[in-house]
């Protein structure tokens, strides 16, 4: 099995986030909404026990 990789192959470069992805990551309103959703999910899990 040949495990050697050639330099500058596609697999060497990490995926670059799209413009929309970068916008969501830096948008404070969206981060706050996700924070609330995650907290609600955690509260539901804690209540089950």
C-alpha atoms as a PDB file:
ATOM      1  CA  UNK A   1       0.000   0.000   0.000  1.00  0.00           C
ATOM      2  CA  UNK A   2       1.437   3.347  -1.038  1.00  0.00           C
ATOM      3  CA  UNK A   3       0.854   5.934   1.709  1.00  0.00           C
ATOM      4  CA  UNK A   4       3.103   8.609   0.242  1.00  0.00           C
ATOM      5  CA  UNK A   5       1.362  11.797  -0.805  1.00  0.00           C
ATOM      6  CA  UNK A   6       2.414  14.166  -3.479  1.00  0.00           C
ATOM      7  CA  UNK A   7       3.159  17.736  -2.498  1.00  0.00           C
ATOM      8  CA  UNK A   8       0.433  20.278  -3.192  1.00  0.00           C
ATOM      9  CA  UNK A   9      -2.299  17.673  -3.497  1.00  0.00           C
ATOM     10  CA  UNK A  10      -5.876  18.744  -2.872  1.00  0.00           C
ATOM     11  CA  UNK A  11      -5.921  16.864   0.454  1.00  0.00           C
ATOM     12  CA  UNK A  12      -3.159  19.125   1.809  1.00  0.00           C
ATOM     13  CA  UNK A  13      -5.360  22.211   1.757  1.00  0.00           C
ATOM     14  CA  UNK A  14      -8.037  22.679   4.430  1.00  0.00           C
ATOM     15  CA  UNK A  15     -11.549  23.577   3.296  1.00  0.00           C
ATOM     16  CA  UNK A  16     -12.106  27.325   3.213  1.00  0.00           C
ATOM     17  CA  UNK A  17     -15.397  28.518   4.734  1.00  0.00           C
ATOM     18  CA  UNK A  18     -17.833  30.205   2.407  1.00  0.00           C
ATOM     19  CA  UNK A  19     -18.783  33.855   2.738  1.00  0.00           C
ATOM     20  CA  UNK A  20     -22.097  32.858   4.356  1.00  0.00           C
ATOM     21  CA  UNK A  21     -20.366  30.593   6.876  1.00  0.00           C
ATOM     22  CA  UNK A  22     -17.961  33.369   7.861  1.00  0.00           C
ATOM     23  CA  UNK A  23     -20.860  35.761   8.235  1.00  0.00           C
ATOM     24  CA  UNK A  24     -22.729  33.386  10.571  1.00  0.00           C
ATOM     25  CA  UNK A  25     -19.600  32.841  12.660  1.00  0.00           C
ATOM     26  CA  UNK A  26     -19.087  36.567  13.208  1.00  0.00           C
ATOM     27  CA  UNK A  27     -22.730  37.609  13.590  1.00  0.00           C
ATOM     28  CA  UNK A  28     -23.469  38.266  17.281  1.00  0.00           C
ATOM     29  CA  UNK A  29     -27.229  37.953  16.851  1.00  0.00           C
ATOM     30  CA  UNK A  30     -26.894  34.497  15.294  1.00  0.00           C
ATOM     31  CA  UNK A  31     -24.427  33.444  18.017  1.00  0.00           C
ATOM     32  CA  UNK A  32     -26.881  34.549  20.698  1.00  0.00           C
ATOM     33  CA  UNK A  33     -29.720  32.592  19.066  1.00  0.00           C
ATOM     34  CA  UNK A  34     -27.546  29.457  18.888  1.00  0.00           C
ATOM     35  CA  UNK A  35     -26.538  29.967  22.519  1.00  0.00           C
ATOM     36  CA  UNK A  36     -30.197  30.043  23.583  1.00  0.00           C
ATOM     37  CA  UNK A  37     -31.039  26.946  21.513  1.00  0.00           C
ATOM     38  CA  UNK A  38     -28.141  24.963  22.957  1.00  0.00           C
ATOM     39  CA  UNK A  39     -29.075  25.986  26.497  1.00  0.00           C
ATOM     40  CA  UNK A  40     -32.674  24.903  25.941  1.00  0.00           C
ATOM     41  CA  UNK A  41     -31.467  21.513  24.692  1.00  0.00           C
ATOM     42  CA  UNK A  42     -29.231  21.093  27.733  1.00  0.00           C
ATOM     43  CA  UNK A  43     -32.053  22.029  30.102  1.00  0.00           C
ATOM     44  CA  UNK A  44     -34.323  19.439  28.497  1.00  0.00           C
ATOM     45  CA  UNK A  45     -31.652  16.748  28.949  1.00  0.00           C
ATOM     46  CA  UNK A  46     -31.063  17.668  32.589  1.00  0.00           C
ATOM     47  CA  UNK A  47     -34.792  17.599  33.350  1.00  0.00           C
ATOM     48  CA  UNK A  48     -35.126  14.049  32.017  1.00  0.00           C
ATOM     49  CA  UNK A  49     -32.855  12.699  34.769  1.00  0.00           C
END
